[in-house]
Amino acid sequence: MNWTCEQTEARLSDYLDGLLHPAEQTSFDFHVNTCERCTPLVAGVSRVLGTLHTLAQVEPRPQLLD
């Protein structure tokens, strides 16, 4: 399978959630590791998600619920 930049963008969430099938994962990894466009995209989104997961949850103020 020859993975494309469009497929990378469309399936990025599945990749980050570990939902790609093994053959898809292999094609995705090969493409991202050899594509000047997709390498920084995947790295950037992964970094942002990692940062978001480190943030503390905040309770909303009661006024925001109305």
C-alpha atoms as a PDB file:
ATOM      1  CA  MET A   1       0.000   0.000   0.000  1.00  0.00           C
ATOM      2  CA  ASN A   2       1.362   3.405  -0.991  1.00  0.00           C
ATOM      3  CA  TRP A   3       0.273   5.844   1.748  1.00  0.00           C
ATOM      4  CA  THR A   4      -0.399   9.501   0.812  1.00  0.00           C
ATOM      5  CA  CYS A   5      -0.322  12.841   2.619  1.00  0.00           C
ATOM      6  CA  GLU A   6      -4.107  13.033   2.349  1.00  0.00           C
ATOM      7  CA  GLN A   7      -4.472   9.635   4.024  1.00  0.00           C
ATOM      8  CA  THR A   8      -2.080  10.731   6.757  1.00  0.00           C
ATOM      9  CA  GLU A   9      -4.203  13.791   7.517  1.00  0.00           C
ATOM     10  CA  ALA A  10      -7.448  11.807   7.372  1.00  0.00           C
ATOM     11  CA  ARG A  11      -6.222   8.959   9.585  1.00  0.00           C
ATOM     12  CA  LEU A  12      -4.017  10.904  12.001  1.00  0.00           C
ATOM     13  CA  SER A  13      -6.490  10.510  14.874  1.00  0.00           C
ATOM     14  CA  ASP A  14      -6.690   6.762  14.283  1.00  0.00           C
ATOM     15  CA  TYR A  15      -2.887   6.585  14.302  1.00  0.00           C
ATOM     16  CA  LEU A  16      -2.600   8.542  17.551  1.00  0.00           C
ATOM     17  CA  ASP A  17      -5.293   6.368  19.150  1.00  0.00           C
ATOM     18  CA  GLY A  18      -3.559   3.159  18.009  1.00  0.00           C
ATOM     19  CA  LEU A  19      -6.465   2.105  15.796  1.00  0.00           C
ATOM     20  CA  LEU A  20      -4.628   1.395  12.535  1.00  0.00           C
ATOM     21  CA  HIS A  21      -4.349  -2.210  11.367  1.00  0.00           C
ATOM     22  CA  PRO A  22      -0.775  -3.538  11.248  1.00  0.00           C
ATOM     23  CA  ALA A  23      -0.454  -3.129   7.459  1.00  0.00           C
ATOM     24  CA  GLU A  24      -1.834   0.413   7.672  1.00  0.00           C
ATOM     25  CA  GLN A  25       0.501   1.192  10.554  1.00  0.00           C
ATOM     26  CA  THR A  26       3.505   0.040   8.538  1.00  0.00           C
ATOM     27  CA  SER A  27       2.490   2.133   5.517  1.00  0.00           C
ATOM     28  CA  PHE A  28       1.692   5.133   7.706  1.00  0.00           C
ATOM     29  CA  ASP A  29       5.050   4.924   9.498  1.00  0.00           C
ATOM     30  CA  PHE A  30       7.000   4.549   6.253  1.00  0.00           C
ATOM     31  CA  HIS A  31       5.251   7.528   4.687  1.00  0.00           C
ATOM     32  CA  VAL A  32       5.590   9.800   7.709  1.00  0.00           C
ATOM     33  CA  ASN A  33       9.267   8.918   8.155  1.00  0.00           C
ATOM     34  CA  THR A  34      10.039   9.807   4.520  1.00  0.00           C
ATOM     35  CA  CYS A  35       7.689  12.760   3.890  1.00  0.00           C
ATOM     36  CA  GLU A  36       8.907  16.309   4.498  1.00  0.00           C
ATOM     37  CA  ARG A  37       5.305  17.510   4.825  1.00  0.00           C
ATOM     38  CA  CYS A  38       3.901  14.837   7.126  1.00  0.00           C
ATOM     39  CA  THR A  39       6.828  14.373   9.519  1.00  0.00           C
ATOM     40  CA  PRO A  40       6.390  17.798  11.192  1.00  0.00           C
ATOM     41  CA  LEU A  41       2.583  17.491  11.090  1.00  0.00           C
ATOM     42  CA  VAL A  42       2.521  14.216  13.021  1.00  0.00           C
ATOM     43  CA  ALA A  43       5.226  15.387  15.424  1.00  0.00           C
ATOM     44  CA  GLY A  44       3.427  18.665  16.108  1.00  0.00           C
ATOM     45  CA  VAL A  45       0.024  17.107  16.716  1.00  0.00           C
ATOM     46  CA  SER A  46       1.572  14.430  18.939  1.00  0.00           C
ATOM     47  CA  ARG A  47       3.373  17.110  20.954  1.00  0.00           C
ATOM     48  CA  VAL A  48       0.192  19.188  21.386  1.00  0.00           C
ATOM     49  CA  LEU A  49      -1.835  16.176  22.504  1.00  0.00           C
ATOM     50  CA  GLY A  50       0.884  15.189  24.951  1.00  0.00           C
ATOM     51  CA  THR A  51       0.818  18.681  26.426  1.00  0.00           C
ATOM     52  CA  LEU A  52      -2.978  18.681  26.669  1.00  0.00           C
ATOM     53  CA  HIS A  53      -2.921  15.408  28.593  1.00  0.00           C
ATOM     54  CA  THR A  54      -0.632  16.954  31.207  1.00  0.00           C
ATOM     55  CA  LEU A  55      -3.002  19.841  31.996  1.00  0.00           C
ATOM     56  CA  ALA A  56      -5.052  19.652  35.175  1.00  0.00           C
ATOM     57  CA  GLN A  57      -8.810  19.471  34.772  1.00  0.00           C
ATOM     58  CA  VAL A  58     -10.677  22.518  35.971  1.00  0.00           C
ATOM     59  CA  GLU A  59     -14.157  22.501  37.424  1.00  0.00           C
ATOM     60  CA  PRO A  60     -16.419  24.915  35.557  1.00  0.00           C
ATOM     61  CA  ARG A  61     -17.909  27.747  37.563  1.00  0.00           C
ATOM     62  CA  PRO A  62     -21.633  27.269  38.272  1.00  0.00           C
ATOM     63  CA  GLN A  63     -22.446  30.353  36.160  1.00  0.00           C
ATOM     64  CA  LEU A  64     -21.084  28.604  33.068  1.00  0.00           C
ATOM     65  CA  LEU A  65     -23.640  25.818  33.294  1.00  0.00           C
ATOM     66  CA  ASP A  66     -26.665  28.081  32.821  1.00  0.00           C
END
